[in-house]
Amino acid sequence: MIVVAPPSILEPPRFPEVKRDLSMVLDKSIQYQSLENLAYETDRKILKDVNLFDVYEGEKIGLNKKSYALSFVLRDDEKTLTDKEIDKVMQRLMENFENKLGAVIRKG
């Protein structure tokens, strides 16, 4: 006889999550996993998820380059995030991508 445990139901978060997108150009040798790892090293408290939603390689961005577009899900489990808190984390993410991986952040 096989006993199956009842499904566990998770309570939805009490505070809203915020999504932000970021696009950057990097050397072709940089893998997505490096971006994800660096993102979580940058912020472990409110960064809840990182997703890759576009990769582009072509003449428009240069030889041996590729463009990654990432989305970030931010949420504080204790309170609603302010724009200032969100902007601070996104700024740190951009600075780390630029300084540690040589990324060029795409504006607009």
PDB file of N, CA and C in Angstrom:
ATOM      1  N   MET A   1       0.835  -1.169   0.000  1.00  0.00           N
ATOM      2  CA  MET A   1       0.000   0.000   0.000  1.00  0.00           C
ATOM      3  C   MET A   1       0.893   1.250   0.000  1.00  0.00           C
ATOM      4  N   ILE A   2       0.567   2.179  -0.885  1.00  0.00           N
ATOM      5  CA  ILE A   2       1.320   3.424  -0.992  1.00  0.00           C
ATOM      6  C   ILE A   2       0.538   4.523  -0.297  1.00  0.00           C
ATOM      7  N   VAL A   3       1.212   5.236   0.590  1.00  0.00           N
ATOM      8  CA  VAL A   3       0.586   6.340   1.307  1.00  0.00           C
ATOM      9  C   VAL A   3       1.097   7.633   0.674  1.00  0.00           C
ATOM     10  N   VAL A   4       0.180   8.464   0.240  1.00  0.00           N
ATOM     11  CA  VAL A   4       0.533   9.734  -0.389  1.00  0.00           C
ATOM     12  C   VAL A   4       0.206  10.862   0.586  1.00  0.00           C
ATOM     13  N   ALA A   5       1.203  11.687   0.822  1.00  0.00           N
ATOM     14  CA  ALA A   5       0.988  12.821   1.730  1.00  0.00           C
ATOM     15  C   ALA A   5       0.098  13.849   1.048  1.00  0.00           C
ATOM     16  N   PRO A   6      -0.765  14.489   1.819  1.00  0.00           N
ATOM     17  CA  PRO A   6      -1.620  15.523   1.216  1.00  0.00           C
ATOM     18  C   PRO A   6      -0.748  16.680   0.722  1.00  0.00           C
ATOM     19  N   PRO A   7      -1.181  17.340  -0.333  1.00  0.00           N
ATOM     20  CA  PRO A   7      -0.378  18.454  -0.852  1.00  0.00           C
ATOM     21  C   PRO A   7      -0.297  19.577   0.170  1.00  0.00           C
ATOM     22  N   SER A   8       0.877  20.174   0.253  1.00  0.00           N
ATOM     23  CA  SER A   8       1.010  21.298   1.178  1.00  0.00           C
ATOM     24  C   SER A   8       0.599  22.579   0.445  1.00  0.00           C
ATOM     25  N   ILE A   9      -0.057  23.431   1.168  1.00  0.00           N
ATOM     26  CA  ILE A   9      -0.535  24.680   0.592  1.00  0.00           C
ATOM     27  C   ILE A   9       0.242  25.816   1.238  1.00  0.00           C
ATOM     28  N   LEU A  10       0.898  26.591   0.401  1.00  0.00           N
ATOM     29  CA  LEU A  10       1.662  27.723   0.906  1.00  0.00           C
ATOM     30  C   LEU A  10       0.787  28.966   0.927  1.00  0.00           C
ATOM     31  N   GLU A  11       0.906  29.705   1.989  1.00  0.00           N
ATOM     32  CA  GLU A  11       0.172  30.960   2.101  1.00  0.00           C
ATOM     33  C   GLU A  11       0.803  31.973   1.152  1.00  0.00           C
ATOM     34  N   PRO A  12      -0.009  32.738   0.432  1.00  0.00           N
ATOM     35  CA  PRO A  12       0.567  33.742  -0.469  1.00  0.00           C
ATOM     36  C   PRO A  12       1.304  34.815   0.336  1.00  0.00           C
ATOM     37  N   PRO A  13       2.303  35.446  -0.275  1.00  0.00           N
ATOM     38  CA  PRO A  13       3.043  36.489   0.436  1.00  0.00           C
ATOM     39  C   PRO A  13       2.102  37.602   0.906  1.00  0.00           C
ATOM     40  N   ARG A  14       2.419  38.174   2.055  1.00  0.00           N
ATOM     41  CA  ARG A  14       1.595  39.252   2.614  1.00  0.00           C
ATOM     42  C   ARG A  14       1.874  40.583   1.941  1.00  0.00           C
ATOM     43  N   PHE A  15       3.080  40.732   1.386  1.00  0.00           N
ATOM     44  CA  PHE A  15       3.472  42.004   0.797  1.00  0.00           C
ATOM     45  C   PHE A  15       3.717  41.823  -0.695  1.00  0.00           C
ATOM     46  N   PRO A  16       3.449  42.865  -1.489  1.00  0.00           N
ATOM     47  CA  PRO A  16       3.543  42.721  -2.944  1.00  0.00           C
ATOM     48  C   PRO A  16       4.979  42.577  -3.438  1.00  0.00           C
ATOM     49  N   GLU A  17       5.121  41.839  -4.529  1.00  0.00           N
ATOM     50  CA  GLU A  17       6.417  41.750  -5.173  1.00  0.00           C
ATOM     51  C   GLU A  17       6.493  42.783  -6.283  1.00  0.00           C
ATOM     52  N   VAL A  18       7.720  43.124  -6.638  1.00  0.00           N
ATOM     53  CA  VAL A  18       7.975  44.117  -7.667  1.00  0.00           C
ATOM     54  C   VAL A  18       8.875  43.469  -8.709  1.00  0.00           C
ATOM     55  N   LYS A  19       8.605  43.719  -9.973  1.00  0.00           N
ATOM     56  CA  LYS A  19       9.437  43.183 -11.046  1.00  0.00           C
ATOM     57  C   LYS A  19      10.159  44.322 -11.749  1.00  0.00           C
ATOM     58  N   ARG A  20      11.438  44.108 -12.014  1.00  0.00           N
ATOM     59  CA  ARG A  20      12.245  45.067 -12.757  1.00  0.00           C
ATOM     60  C   ARG A  20      13.019  44.302 -13.818  1.00  0.00           C
ATOM     61  N   ASP A  21      13.193  44.928 -14.974  1.00  0.00           N
ATOM     62  CA  ASP A  21      13.955  44.331 -16.071  1.00  0.00           C
ATOM     63  C   ASP A  21      15.254  45.087 -16.258  1.00  0.00           C
ATOM     64  N   LEU A  22      16.252  44.376 -16.769  1.00  0.00           N
ATOM     65  CA  LEU A  22      17.550  44.972 -17.024  1.00  0.00           C
ATOM     66  C   LEU A  22      18.159  44.283 -18.236  1.00  0.00           C
ATOM     67  N   SER A  23      18.659  45.087 -19.167  1.00  0.00           N
ATOM     68  CA  SER A  23      19.300  44.556 -20.365  1.00  0.00           C
ATOM     69  C   SER A  23      20.748  45.022 -20.384  1.00  0.00           C
ATOM     70  N   MET A  24      21.647  44.117 -20.787  1.00  0.00           N
ATOM     71  CA  MET A  24      23.069  44.445 -20.803  1.00  0.00           C
ATOM     72  C   MET A  24      23.784  43.703 -21.918  1.00  0.00           C
ATOM     73  N   VAL A  25      24.909  44.272 -22.333  1.00  0.00           N
ATOM     74  CA  VAL A  25      25.762  43.650 -23.338  1.00  0.00           C
ATOM     75  C   VAL A  25      27.020  43.167 -22.636  1.00  0.00           C
ATOM     76  N   LEU A  26      27.396  41.922 -22.929  1.00  0.00           N
ATOM     77  CA  LEU A  26      28.555  41.283 -22.301  1.00  0.00           C
ATOM     78  C   LEU A  26      29.383  40.547 -23.338  1.00  0.00           C
ATOM     79  N   ASP A  27      30.585  40.153 -22.929  1.00  0.00           N
ATOM     80  CA  ASP A  27      31.373  39.275 -23.780  1.00  0.00           C
ATOM     81  C   ASP A  27      30.607  37.977 -23.977  1.00  0.00           C
ATOM     82  N   LYS A  28      30.744  37.416 -25.157  1.00  0.00           N
ATOM     83  CA  LYS A  28      30.024  36.193 -25.526  1.00  0.00           C
ATOM     84  C   LYS A  28      30.337  35.029 -24.578  1.00  0.00           C
ATOM     85  N   SER A  29      31.509  35.062 -23.955  1.00  0.00           N
ATOM     86  CA  SER A  29      31.931  33.957 -23.090  1.00  0.00           C
ATOM     87  C   SER A  29      31.192  33.929 -21.745  1.00  0.00           C
ATOM     88  N   ILE A  30      30.555  35.022 -21.355  1.00  0.00           N
ATOM     89  CA  ILE A  30      29.844  35.080 -20.069  1.00  0.00           C
ATOM     90  C   ILE A  30      28.545  34.280 -20.182  1.00  0.00           C
ATOM     91  N   GLN A  31      28.360  33.361 -19.260  1.00  0.00           N
ATOM     92  CA  GLN A  31      27.168  32.517 -19.244  1.00  0.00           C
ATOM     93  C   GLN A  31      26.115  33.095 -18.292  1.00  0.00           C
ATOM     94  N   TYR A  32      24.866  32.773 -18.555  1.00  0.00           N
ATOM     95  CA  TYR A  32      23.764  33.252 -17.726  1.00  0.00           C
ATOM     96  C   TYR A  32      23.970  32.908 -16.254  1.00  0.00           C
ATOM     97  N   GLN A  33      24.470  31.712 -15.970  1.00  0.00           N
ATOM     98  CA  GLN A  33      24.635  31.285 -14.579  1.00  0.00           C
ATOM     99  C   GLN A  33      25.516  32.251 -13.791  1.00  0.00           C
ATOM    100  N   SER A  34      26.506  32.851 -14.451  1.00  0.00           N
ATOM    101  CA  SER A  34      27.358  33.843 -13.785  1.00  0.00           C
ATOM    102  C   SER A  34      26.551  35.072 -13.381  1.00  0.00           C
ATOM    103  N   LEU A  35      25.626  35.483 -14.239  1.00  0.00           N
ATOM    104  CA  LEU A  35      24.762  36.628 -13.929  1.00  0.00           C
ATOM    105  C   LEU A  35      23.846  36.314 -12.754  1.00  0.00           C
ATOM    106  N   GLU A  36      23.235  35.157 -12.798  1.00  0.00           N
ATOM    107  CA  GLU A  36      22.319  34.762 -11.723  1.00  0.00           C
ATOM    108  C   GLU A  36      23.062  34.664 -10.392  1.00  0.00           C
ATOM    109  N   ASN A  37      24.233  34.008 -10.394  1.00  0.00           N
ATOM    110  CA  ASN A  37      25.003  33.869  -9.161  1.00  0.00           C
ATOM    111  C   ASN A  37      25.384  35.229  -8.589  1.00  0.00           C
ATOM    112  N   LEU A  38      25.853  36.137  -9.443  1.00  0.00           N
ATOM    113  CA  LEU A  38      26.245  37.463  -8.990  1.00  0.00           C
ATOM    114  C   LEU A  38      25.047  38.251  -8.451  1.00  0.00           C
ATOM    115  N   ALA A  39      23.898  38.087  -9.077  1.00  0.00           N
ATOM    116  CA  ALA A  39      22.689  38.774  -8.598  1.00  0.00           C
ATOM    117  C   ALA A  39      22.362  38.342  -7.172  1.00  0.00           C
ATOM    118  N   TYR A  40      22.377  37.034  -6.922  1.00  0.00           N
ATOM    119  CA  TYR A  40      22.050  36.550  -5.576  1.00  0.00           C
ATOM    120  C   TYR A  40      23.145  36.891  -4.560  1.00  0.00           C
ATOM    121  N   GLU A  41      24.396  37.008  -5.016  1.00  0.00           N
ATOM    122  CA  GLU A  41      25.466  37.454  -4.122  1.00  0.00           C
ATOM    123  C   GLU A  41      25.261  38.927  -3.753  1.00  0.00           C
ATOM    124  N   THR A  42      24.712  39.700  -4.682  1.00  0.00           N
ATOM    125  CA  THR A  42      24.492  41.132  -4.469  1.00  0.00           C
ATOM    126  C   THR A  42      23.404  41.386  -3.444  1.00  0.00           C
ATOM    127  N   ASP A  43      22.332  40.609  -3.508  1.00  0.00           N
ATOM    128  CA  ASP A  43      21.236  40.803  -2.554  1.00  0.00           C
ATOM    129  C   ASP A  43      20.553  39.474  -2.268  1.00  0.00           C
ATOM    130  N   ARG A  44      20.576  39.071  -1.021  1.00  0.00           N
ATOM    131  CA  ARG A  44      19.915  37.831  -0.613  1.00  0.00           C
ATOM    132  C   ARG A  44      18.620  38.091   0.146  1.00  0.00           C
ATOM    133  N   LYS A  45      18.416  39.340   0.560  1.00  0.00           N
ATOM    134  CA  LYS A  45      17.257  39.623   1.408  1.00  0.00           C
ATOM    135  C   LYS A  45      15.966  39.809   0.610  1.00  0.00           C
ATOM    136  N   ILE A  46      15.970  40.701  -0.375  1.00  0.00           N
ATOM    137  CA  ILE A  46      14.711  40.993  -1.075  1.00  0.00           C
ATOM    138  C   ILE A  46      14.676  40.480  -2.516  1.00  0.00           C
ATOM    139  N   LEU A  47      15.826  40.049  -3.048  1.00  0.00           N
ATOM    140  CA  LEU A  47      15.825  39.475  -4.401  1.00  0.00           C
ATOM    141  C   LEU A  47      15.315  38.047  -4.308  1.00  0.00           C
ATOM    142  N   LYS A  48      14.145  37.822  -4.862  1.00  0.00           N
ATOM    143  CA  LYS A  48      13.497  36.516  -4.734  1.00  0.00           C
ATOM    144  C   LYS A  48      13.670  35.636  -5.969  1.00  0.00           C
ATOM    145  N   ASP A  49      13.822  36.258  -7.137  1.00  0.00           N
ATOM    146  CA  ASP A  49      13.919  35.456  -8.362  1.00  0.00           C
ATOM    147  C   ASP A  49      14.622  36.248  -9.459  1.00  0.00           C
ATOM    148  N   VAL A  50      15.377  35.530 -10.298  1.00  0.00           N
ATOM    149  CA  VAL A  50      16.045  36.102 -11.462  1.00  0.00           C
ATOM    150  C   VAL A  50      15.675  35.229 -12.651  1.00  0.00           C
ATOM    151  N   ASN A  51      15.241  35.862 -13.740  1.00  0.00           N
ATOM    152  CA  ASN A  51      14.857  35.104 -14.936  1.00  0.00           C
ATOM    153  C   ASN A  51      15.468  35.728 -16.176  1.00  0.00           C
ATOM    154  N   LEU A  52      15.935  34.876 -17.057  1.00  0.00           N
ATOM    155  CA  LEU A  52      16.437  35.299 -18.357  1.00  0.00           C
ATOM    156  C   LEU A  52      15.274  35.257 -19.332  1.00  0.00           C
ATOM    157  N   PHE A  53      14.995  36.397 -20.015  1.00  0.00           N
ATOM    158  CA  PHE A  53      13.885  36.365 -20.957  1.00  0.00           C
ATOM    159  C   PHE A  53      14.286  36.709 -22.383  1.00  0.00           C
ATOM    160  N   ASP A  54      15.560  37.074 -22.609  1.00  0.00           N
ATOM    161  CA  ASP A  54      15.989  37.313 -23.987  1.00  0.00           C
ATOM    162  C   ASP A  54      17.506  37.263 -24.077  1.00  0.00           C
ATOM    163  N   VAL A  55      17.986  36.642 -25.151  1.00  0.00           N
ATOM    164  CA  VAL A  55      19.407  36.643 -25.495  1.00  0.00           C
ATOM    165  C   VAL A  55      19.503  37.047 -26.953  1.00  0.00           C
ATOM    166  N   TYR A  56      20.402  37.986 -27.245  1.00  0.00           N
ATOM    167  CA  TYR A  56      20.574  38.437 -28.625  1.00  0.00           C
ATOM    168  C   TYR A  56      22.052  38.450 -28.962  1.00  0.00           C
ATOM    169  N   GLU A  57      22.377  37.916 -30.128  1.00  0.00           N
ATOM    170  CA  GLU A  57      23.722  38.002 -30.679  1.00  0.00           C
ATOM    171  C   GLU A  57      23.569  38.484 -32.107  1.00  0.00           C
ATOM    172  N   GLY A  58      24.384  39.443 -32.504  1.00  0.00           N
ATOM    173  CA  GLY A  58      24.298  39.943 -33.866  1.00  0.00           C
ATOM    174  C   GLY A  58      25.227  41.119 -34.092  1.00  0.00           C
ATOM    175  N   GLU A  59      25.266  41.556 -35.336  1.00  0.00           N
ATOM    176  CA  GLU A  59      26.162  42.630 -35.740  1.00  0.00           C
ATOM    177  C   GLU A  59      25.896  43.939 -35.000  1.00  0.00           C
ATOM    178  N   LYS A  60      24.658  44.181 -34.622  1.00  0.00           N
ATOM    179  CA  LYS A  60      24.295  45.460 -34.005  1.00  0.00           C
ATOM    180  C   LYS A  60      24.970  45.701 -32.657  1.00  0.00           C
ATOM    181  N   ILE A  61      25.375  44.644 -31.968  1.00  0.00           N
ATOM    182  CA  ILE A  61      25.985  44.839 -30.648  1.00  0.00           C
ATOM    183  C   ILE A  61      27.482  44.564 -30.634  1.00  0.00           C
ATOM    184  N   GLY A  62      28.030  44.104 -31.736  1.00  0.00           N
ATOM    185  CA  GLY A  62      29.477  43.914 -31.825  1.00  0.00           C
ATOM    186  C   GLY A  62      29.896  42.462 -31.865  1.00  0.00           C
ATOM    187  N   LEU A  63      31.073  42.270 -32.393  1.00  0.00           N
ATOM    188  CA  LEU A  63      31.667  40.940 -32.526  1.00  0.00           C
ATOM    189  C   LEU A  63      32.001  40.384 -31.139  1.00  0.00           C
ATOM    190  N   ASN A  64      31.741  39.113 -30.953  1.00  0.00           N
ATOM    191  CA  ASN A  64      32.014  38.423 -29.687  1.00  0.00           C
ATOM    192  C   ASN A  64      31.270  39.027 -28.493  1.00  0.00           C
ATOM    193  N   LYS A  65      30.104  39.594 -28.751  1.00  0.00           N
ATOM    194  CA  LYS A  65      29.250  40.156 -27.701  1.00  0.00           C
ATOM    195  C   LYS A  65      27.873  39.508 -27.771  1.00  0.00           C
ATOM    196  N   LYS A  66      27.169  39.569 -26.659  1.00  0.00           N
ATOM    197  CA  LYS A  66      25.761  39.162 -26.649  1.00  0.00           C
ATOM    198  C   LYS A  66      25.021  40.005 -25.635  1.00  0.00           C
ATOM    199  N   SER A  67      23.732  40.124 -25.858  1.00  0.00           N
ATOM    200  CA  SER A  67      22.871  40.907 -24.986  1.00  0.00           C
ATOM    201  C   SER A  67      21.981  39.953 -24.199  1.00  0.00           C
ATOM    202  N   TYR A  68      21.944  40.167 -22.899  1.00  0.00           N
ATOM    203  CA  TYR A  68      21.046  39.426 -22.024  1.00  0.00           C
ATOM    204  C   TYR A  68      19.999  40.396 -21.486  1.00  0.00           C
ATOM    205  N   ALA A  69      18.762  39.951 -21.424  1.00  0.00           N
ATOM    206  CA  ALA A  69      17.705  40.707 -20.768  1.00  0.00           C
ATOM    207  C   ALA A  69      17.203  39.846 -19.607  1.00  0.00           C
ATOM    208  N   LEU A  70      17.268  40.416 -18.413  1.00  0.00           N
ATOM    209  CA  LEU A  70      16.891  39.694 -17.203  1.00  0.00           C
ATOM    210  C   LEU A  70      15.738  40.393 -16.510  1.00  0.00           C
ATOM    211  N   SER A  71      14.914  39.614 -15.834  1.00  0.00           N
ATOM    212  CA  SER A  71      13.892  40.195 -14.973  1.00  0.00           C
ATOM    213  C   SER A  71      14.204  39.773 -13.540  1.00  0.00           C
ATOM    214  N   PHE A  72      13.949  40.688 -12.624  1.00  0.00           N
ATOM    215  CA  PHE A  72      14.212  40.467 -11.210  1.00  0.00           C
ATOM    216  C   PHE A  72      12.911  40.624 -10.437  1.00  0.00           C
ATOM    217  N   VAL A  73      12.670  39.708  -9.511  1.00  0.00           N
ATOM    218  CA  VAL A  73      11.506  39.795  -8.637  1.00  0.00           C
ATOM    219  C   VAL A  73      12.028  40.156  -7.247  1.00  0.00           C
ATOM    220  N   LEU A  74      11.528  41.271  -6.734  1.00  0.00           N
ATOM    221  CA  LEU A  74      11.941  41.775  -5.428  1.00  0.00           C
ATOM    222  C   LEU A  74      10.735  41.797  -4.486  1.00  0.00           C
ATOM    223  N   ARG A  75      10.965  41.355  -3.243  1.00  0.00           N
ATOM    224  CA  ARG A  75       9.891  41.383  -2.253  1.00  0.00           C
ATOM    225  C   ARG A  75      10.506  41.305  -0.860  1.00  0.00           C
ATOM    226  N   ASP A  76       9.993  42.112   0.019  1.00  0.00           N
ATOM    227  CA  ASP A  76      10.382  42.038   1.424  1.00  0.00           C
ATOM    228  C   ASP A  76       9.245  41.322   2.143  1.00  0.00           C
ATOM    229  N   ASP A  77       9.584  40.304   2.917  1.00  0.00           N
ATOM    230  CA  ASP A  77       8.558  39.532   3.615  1.00  0.00           C
ATOM    231  C   ASP A  77       8.057  40.234   4.873  1.00  0.00           C
ATOM    232  N   GLU A  78       8.680  41.375   5.217  1.00  0.00           N
ATOM    233  CA  GLU A  78       8.319  42.094   6.434  1.00  0.00           C
ATOM    234  C   GLU A  78       7.506  43.365   6.173  1.00  0.00           C
ATOM    235  N   LYS A  79       7.628  43.928   4.946  1.00  0.00           N
ATOM    236  CA  LYS A  79       6.964  45.204   4.670  1.00  0.00           C
ATOM    237  C   LYS A  79       6.896  45.441   3.159  1.00  0.00           C
ATOM    238  N   THR A  80       6.149  46.449   2.770  1.00  0.00           N
ATOM    239  CA  THR A  80       6.083  46.856   1.374  1.00  0.00           C
ATOM    240  C   THR A  80       7.352  47.636   1.024  1.00  0.00           C
ATOM    241  N   LEU A  81       7.959  47.303  -0.089  1.00  0.00           N
ATOM    242  CA  LEU A  81       9.179  47.982  -0.520  1.00  0.00           C
ATOM    243  C   LEU A  81       8.882  49.398  -1.010  1.00  0.00           C
ATOM    244  N   THR A  82       9.814  50.293  -0.767  1.00  0.00           N
ATOM    245  CA  THR A  82       9.704  51.648  -1.304  1.00  0.00           C
ATOM    246  C   THR A  82      10.485  51.730  -2.610  1.00  0.00           C
ATOM    247  N   ASP A  83      10.189  52.746  -3.421  1.00  0.00           N
ATOM    248  CA  ASP A  83      10.942  52.947  -4.659  1.00  0.00           C
ATOM    249  C   ASP A  83      12.427  53.113  -4.367  1.00  0.00           C
ATOM    250  N   LYS A  84      12.747  53.802  -3.284  1.00  0.00           N
ATOM    251  CA  LYS A  84      14.144  54.037  -2.920  1.00  0.00           C
ATOM    252  C   LYS A  84      14.870  52.722  -2.635  1.00  0.00           C
ATOM    253  N   GLU A  85      14.229  51.806  -1.926  1.00  0.00           N
ATOM    254  CA  GLU A  85      14.829  50.500  -1.623  1.00  0.00           C
ATOM    255  C   GLU A  85      15.029  49.677  -2.897  1.00  0.00           C
ATOM    256  N   ILE A  86      14.045  49.710  -3.774  1.00  0.00           N
ATOM    257  CA  ILE A  86      14.128  48.975  -5.039  1.00  0.00           C
ATOM    258  C   ILE A  86      15.246  49.549  -5.905  1.00  0.00           C
ATOM    259  N   ASP A  87      15.283  50.872  -6.018  1.00  0.00           N
ATOM    260  CA  ASP A  87      16.314  51.522  -6.827  1.00  0.00           C
ATOM    261  C   ASP A  87      17.715  51.231  -6.296  1.00  0.00           C
ATOM    262  N   LYS A  88      17.858  51.166  -4.985  1.00  0.00           N
ATOM    263  CA  LYS A  88      19.162  50.894  -4.376  1.00  0.00           C
ATOM    264  C   LYS A  88      19.664  49.496  -4.764  1.00  0.00           C
ATOM    265  N   VAL A  89      18.796  48.503  -4.705  1.00  0.00           N
ATOM    266  CA  VAL A  89      19.181  47.138  -5.079  1.00  0.00           C
ATOM    267  C   VAL A  89      19.499  47.070  -6.569  1.00  0.00           C
ATOM    268  N   MET A  90      18.672  47.703  -7.393  1.00  0.00           N
ATOM    269  CA  MET A  90      18.922  47.672  -8.842  1.00  0.00           C
ATOM    270  C   MET A  90      20.239  48.378  -9.175  1.00  0.00           C
ATOM    271  N   GLN A  91      20.548  49.465  -8.492  1.00  0.00           N
ATOM    272  CA  GLN A  91      21.808  50.173  -8.713  1.00  0.00           C
ATOM    273  C   GLN A  91      22.997  49.284  -8.350  1.00  0.00           C
ATOM    274  N   ARG A  92      22.904  48.593  -7.217  1.00  0.00           N
ATOM    275  CA  ARG A  92      23.983  47.675  -6.818  1.00  0.00           C
ATOM    276  C   ARG A  92      24.140  46.538  -7.820  1.00  0.00           C
ATOM    277  N   LEU A  93      23.024  46.018  -8.321  1.00  0.00           N
ATOM    278  CA  LEU A  93      23.096  44.963  -9.331  1.00  0.00           C
ATOM    279  C   LEU A  93      23.828  45.460 -10.578  1.00  0.00           C
ATOM    280  N   MET A  94      23.429  46.651 -11.069  1.00  0.00           N
ATOM    281  CA  MET A  94      24.072  47.201 -12.271  1.00  0.00           C
ATOM    282  C   MET A  94      25.560  47.432 -12.045  1.00  0.00           C
ATOM    283  N   GLU A  95      25.925  47.993 -10.899  1.00  0.00           N
ATOM    284  CA  GLU A  95      27.338  48.245 -10.603  1.00  0.00           C
ATOM    285  C   GLU A  95      28.135  46.944 -10.559  1.00  0.00           C
ATOM    286  N   ASN A  96      27.586  45.909  -9.942  1.00  0.00           N
ATOM    287  CA  ASN A  96      28.293  44.625  -9.879  1.00  0.00           C
ATOM    288  C   ASN A  96      28.417  43.979 -11.251  1.00  0.00           C
ATOM    289  N   PHE A  97      27.366  44.046 -12.062  1.00  0.00           N
ATOM    290  CA  PHE A  97      27.461  43.489 -13.415  1.00  0.00           C
ATOM    291  C   PHE A  97      28.530  44.225 -14.220  1.00  0.00           C
ATOM    292  N   GLU A  98      28.577  45.542 -14.074  1.00  0.00           N
ATOM    293  CA  GLU A  98      29.569  46.344 -14.798  1.00  0.00           C
ATOM    294  C   GLU A  98      30.985  46.062 -14.296  1.00  0.00           C
ATOM    295  N   ASN A  99      31.180  46.111 -12.974  1.00  0.00           N
ATOM    296  CA  ASN A  99      32.525  46.011 -12.399  1.00  0.00           C
ATOM    297  C   ASN A  99      33.082  44.596 -12.400  1.00  0.00           C
ATOM    298  N   LYS A 100      32.243  43.611 -12.173  1.00  0.00           N
ATOM    299  CA  LYS A 100      32.738  42.235 -12.033  1.00  0.00           C
ATOM    300  C   LYS A 100      32.658  41.416 -13.321  1.00  0.00           C
ATOM    301  N   LEU A 101      31.730  41.776 -14.220  1.00  0.00           N
ATOM    302  CA  LEU A 101      31.573  41.004 -15.454  1.00  0.00           C
ATOM    303  C   LEU A 101      31.784  41.828 -16.715  1.00  0.00           C
ATOM    304  N   GLY A 102      32.085  43.112 -16.560  1.00  0.00           N
ATOM    305  CA  GLY A 102      32.335  43.970 -17.719  1.00  0.00           C
ATOM    306  C   GLY A 102      31.099  44.291 -18.540  1.00  0.00           C
ATOM    307  N   ALA A 103      29.937  44.236 -17.910  1.00  0.00           N
ATOM    308  CA  ALA A 103      28.681  44.500 -18.623  1.00  0.00           C
ATOM    309  C   ALA A 103      28.546  45.967 -18.985  1.00  0.00           C
ATOM    310  N   VAL A 104      27.883  46.214 -20.101  1.00  0.00           N
ATOM    311  CA  VAL A 104      27.464  47.551 -20.482  1.00  0.00           C
ATOM    312  C   VAL A 104      25.941  47.542 -20.390  1.00  0.00           C
ATOM    313  N   ILE A 105      25.419  48.314 -19.450  1.00  0.00           N
ATOM    314  CA  ILE A 105      23.969  48.353 -19.228  1.00  0.00           C
ATOM    315  C   ILE A 105      23.317  49.110 -20.366  1.00  0.00           C
ATOM    316  N   ARG A 106      22.278  48.527 -20.931  1.00  0.00           N
ATOM    317  CA  ARG A 106      21.559  49.159 -22.033  1.00  0.00           C
ATOM    318  C   ARG A 106      20.461  50.051 -21.473  1.00  0.00           C
ATOM    319  N   LYS A 107      20.463  51.281 -21.870  1.00  0.00           N
ATOM    320  CA  LYS A 107      19.473  52.253 -21.393  1.00  0.00           C
ATOM    321  C   LYS A 107      18.316  52.324 -22.393  1.00  0.00           C
ATOM    322  N   GLY A 108      17.116  52.525 -21.848  1.00  0.00           N
ATOM    323  CA  GLY A 108      15.939  52.737 -22.696  1.00  0.00           C
ATOM    324  C   GLY A 108      15.463  51.544 -23.296  1.00  0.00           C
TER     325      GLY A 108
END
